């Protein structure tokens, strides 16, 4: 497997055209809704002092799965 390491891929003008403004706004609203839902269900924790809490891992998993969509 050979990876293409062309630096032009990382240029902003080559990546921002893939997402329209409407899709970007919709994605941000959806992500914000998920974050607010998690805060409402599990409360808001300080990450440093509640690192071992299960709800934090749930939040991280939910955010990662949302970002994959």
N, C-alpha and C. Protein backbone atom coordinates (compact mmCIF):
# COMPACT_ATOMS: atom_id res chain seq x y z
N UNK A 1 0.85 -1.18 0.00
CA UNK A 1 0.00 0.00 0.00
C UNK A 1 0.89 1.24 0.00
N UNK A 2 0.68 2.10 -0.95
CA UNK A 2 1.46 3.33 -1.05
C UNK A 2 0.52 4.50 -0.82
N UNK A 3 0.89 5.36 0.11
CA UNK A 3 0.07 6.52 0.41
C UNK A 3 0.55 7.71 -0.40
N UNK A 4 -0.39 8.46 -0.92
CA UNK A 4 -0.06 9.67 -1.65
C UNK A 4 0.15 10.79 -0.65
N UNK A 5 1.32 11.33 -0.58
CA UNK A 5 1.63 12.38 0.39
C UNK A 5 1.71 13.74 -0.28
N UNK A 6 0.87 13.96 -1.21
CA UNK A 6 0.85 15.23 -1.92
C UNK A 6 0.40 16.33 -0.96
N UNK A 7 1.22 17.34 -0.78
CA UNK A 7 0.93 18.42 0.16
C UNK A 7 -0.26 19.27 -0.27
N UNK A 8 -0.61 19.23 -1.54
CA UNK A 8 -1.74 20.03 -2.00
C UNK A 8 -3.06 19.58 -1.39
N UNK A 9 -3.12 18.34 -0.94
CA UNK A 9 -4.34 17.83 -0.32
C UNK A 9 -4.65 18.60 0.97
N UNK A 10 -3.64 19.02 1.69
CA UNK A 10 -3.85 19.70 2.97
C UNK A 10 -4.10 21.19 2.82
N UNK A 11 -4.02 21.74 1.63
CA UNK A 11 -4.29 23.16 1.45
C UNK A 11 -5.76 23.45 1.66
N UNK A 12 -6.10 24.50 2.37
CA UNK A 12 -7.52 24.80 2.66
C UNK A 12 -8.38 24.96 1.42
N UNK A 13 -7.85 25.56 0.38
CA UNK A 13 -8.68 25.78 -0.80
C UNK A 13 -9.03 24.47 -1.51
N UNK A 14 -8.30 23.39 -1.22
CA UNK A 14 -8.60 22.10 -1.82
C UNK A 14 -9.53 21.26 -0.96
N UNK A 15 -9.74 21.63 0.27
CA UNK A 15 -10.58 20.81 1.15
C UNK A 15 -11.91 21.46 1.49
N UNK A 16 -11.99 22.79 1.51
CA UNK A 16 -13.22 23.44 1.92
C UNK A 16 -14.33 23.36 0.88
N UNK A 17 -13.99 23.15 -0.38
CA UNK A 17 -15.01 23.07 -1.41
C UNK A 17 -15.82 21.79 -1.33
N UNK A 18 -15.35 20.81 -0.57
CA UNK A 18 -16.06 19.55 -0.47
C UNK A 18 -17.34 19.67 0.35
N UNK A 19 -17.42 20.67 1.21
CA UNK A 19 -18.56 20.84 2.09
C UNK A 19 -19.22 22.19 1.81
N UNK A 20 -20.50 22.15 1.49
CA UNK A 20 -21.21 23.40 1.24
C UNK A 20 -21.51 24.08 2.57
N UNK A 21 -21.87 25.35 2.50
CA UNK A 21 -22.19 26.09 3.73
C UNK A 21 -23.39 25.48 4.44
N UNK A 22 -24.39 25.06 3.67
CA UNK A 22 -25.59 24.48 4.27
C UNK A 22 -25.27 23.17 4.98
N UNK A 23 -24.47 22.32 4.34
CA UNK A 23 -24.10 21.05 4.96
C UNK A 23 -23.24 21.29 6.20
N UNK A 24 -22.34 22.25 6.13
CA UNK A 24 -21.50 22.58 7.28
C UNK A 24 -22.35 23.06 8.45
N UNK A 25 -23.29 23.98 8.18
CA UNK A 25 -24.16 24.50 9.25
C UNK A 25 -25.01 23.39 9.84
N UNK A 26 -25.53 22.51 8.99
CA UNK A 26 -26.35 21.40 9.47
C UNK A 26 -25.51 20.46 10.35
N UNK A 27 -24.29 20.17 9.93
CA UNK A 27 -23.43 19.27 10.70
C UNK A 27 -23.08 19.86 12.06
N UNK A 28 -22.80 21.15 12.10
CA UNK A 28 -22.47 21.80 13.37
C UNK A 28 -23.67 21.80 14.30
N UNK A 29 -24.86 22.08 13.76
CA UNK A 29 -26.08 22.05 14.60
C UNK A 29 -26.34 20.65 15.13
N UNK A 30 -26.12 19.65 14.29
CA UNK A 30 -26.32 18.26 14.71
C UNK A 30 -25.33 17.89 15.81
N UNK A 31 -24.07 18.28 15.64
CA UNK A 31 -23.06 18.02 16.66
C UNK A 31 -23.39 18.73 17.96
N UNK A 32 -23.84 19.97 17.86
CA UNK A 32 -24.20 20.73 19.06
C UNK A 32 -25.39 20.08 19.76
N UNK A 33 -26.35 19.57 18.99
CA UNK A 33 -27.50 18.90 19.59
C UNK A 33 -27.06 17.65 20.34
N UNK A 34 -26.12 16.90 19.78
CA UNK A 34 -25.62 15.71 20.47
C UNK A 34 -24.91 16.08 21.76
N UNK A 35 -24.10 17.12 21.71
CA UNK A 35 -23.36 17.55 22.91
C UNK A 35 -24.33 18.02 23.99
N UNK A 36 -25.33 18.80 23.61
CA UNK A 36 -26.30 19.26 24.59
C UNK A 36 -27.11 18.11 25.16
N UNK A 37 -27.42 17.11 24.34
CA UNK A 37 -28.14 15.94 24.82
C UNK A 37 -27.30 15.17 25.84
N UNK A 38 -26.04 15.00 25.55
CA UNK A 38 -25.15 14.29 26.48
C UNK A 38 -25.03 15.05 27.79
N UNK A 39 -24.90 16.36 27.71
CA UNK A 39 -24.83 17.16 28.93
C UNK A 39 -26.12 17.06 29.73
N UNK A 40 -27.25 17.03 29.06
CA UNK A 40 -28.53 16.95 29.76
C UNK A 40 -28.71 15.60 30.44
N UNK A 41 -28.28 14.54 29.78
CA UNK A 41 -28.48 13.20 30.32
C UNK A 41 -27.46 12.88 31.41
N UNK A 42 -26.20 13.19 31.17
CA UNK A 42 -25.14 12.77 32.08
C UNK A 42 -24.54 13.89 32.91
N UNK A 43 -24.95 15.10 32.67
CA UNK A 43 -24.37 16.21 33.41
C UNK A 43 -23.07 16.65 32.78
N UNK A 44 -22.54 17.74 33.28
CA UNK A 44 -21.29 18.28 32.76
C UNK A 44 -20.19 17.99 33.76
N UNK A 45 -19.17 17.28 33.33
CA UNK A 45 -18.08 16.89 34.22
C UNK A 45 -16.80 17.61 33.84
N UNK A 46 -15.99 17.87 34.86
CA UNK A 46 -14.64 18.36 34.61
C UNK A 46 -13.81 17.17 34.14
N UNK A 47 -13.26 17.26 32.97
CA UNK A 47 -12.58 16.13 32.35
C UNK A 47 -11.41 15.65 33.20
N UNK A 48 -10.67 16.55 33.79
CA UNK A 48 -9.49 16.15 34.55
C UNK A 48 -9.83 15.37 35.81
N UNK A 49 -10.88 15.76 36.50
CA UNK A 49 -11.19 15.09 37.76
C UNK A 49 -12.14 13.91 37.60
N UNK A 50 -12.78 13.76 36.46
CA UNK A 50 -13.73 12.67 36.24
C UNK A 50 -13.31 11.82 35.05
N UNK A 51 -12.02 11.63 34.88
CA UNK A 51 -11.53 10.91 33.71
C UNK A 51 -11.99 9.46 33.71
N UNK A 52 -12.14 8.85 34.88
CA UNK A 52 -12.48 7.44 34.94
C UNK A 52 -13.99 7.18 34.88
N UNK A 53 -14.79 8.22 34.81
CA UNK A 53 -16.24 8.04 34.77
C UNK A 53 -16.66 7.40 33.45
N UNK A 54 -17.65 6.55 33.52
CA UNK A 54 -18.14 5.89 32.32
C UNK A 54 -18.84 6.87 31.39
N UNK A 55 -19.48 7.89 31.94
CA UNK A 55 -20.19 8.84 31.09
C UNK A 55 -19.23 9.62 30.19
N UNK A 56 -18.00 9.84 30.66
CA UNK A 56 -17.02 10.52 29.82
C UNK A 56 -16.67 9.67 28.61
N UNK A 57 -16.49 8.38 28.83
CA UNK A 57 -16.20 7.51 27.68
C UNK A 57 -17.40 7.45 26.75
N UNK A 58 -18.61 7.50 27.30
CA UNK A 58 -19.81 7.55 26.46
C UNK A 58 -19.83 8.83 25.62
N UNK A 59 -19.47 9.95 26.23
CA UNK A 59 -19.43 11.22 25.51
C UNK A 59 -18.41 11.16 24.38
N UNK A 60 -17.24 10.66 24.67
CA UNK A 60 -16.19 10.58 23.66
C UNK A 60 -16.61 9.66 22.53
N UNK A 61 -17.18 8.52 22.86
CA UNK A 61 -17.63 7.58 21.83
C UNK A 61 -18.72 8.20 20.97
N UNK A 62 -19.67 8.89 21.59
CA UNK A 62 -20.76 9.52 20.83
C UNK A 62 -20.24 10.62 19.92
N UNK A 63 -19.34 11.44 20.41
CA UNK A 63 -18.77 12.49 19.58
C UNK A 63 -17.97 11.92 18.42
N UNK A 64 -17.20 10.87 18.67
CA UNK A 64 -16.42 10.26 17.59
C UNK A 64 -17.34 9.66 16.53
N UNK A 65 -18.41 8.99 16.97
CA UNK A 65 -19.32 8.40 16.00
C UNK A 65 -20.07 9.47 15.22
N UNK A 66 -20.37 10.60 15.87
CA UNK A 66 -21.03 11.70 15.17
C UNK A 66 -20.10 12.31 14.14
N UNK A 67 -18.84 12.46 14.49
CA UNK A 67 -17.88 13.04 13.55
C UNK A 67 -17.59 12.12 12.37
N UNK A 68 -17.77 10.81 12.56
CA UNK A 68 -17.56 9.87 11.46
C UNK A 68 -18.65 9.98 10.41
N UNK A 69 -19.85 10.41 10.82
CA UNK A 69 -20.97 10.52 9.89
C UNK A 69 -20.72 11.57 8.94
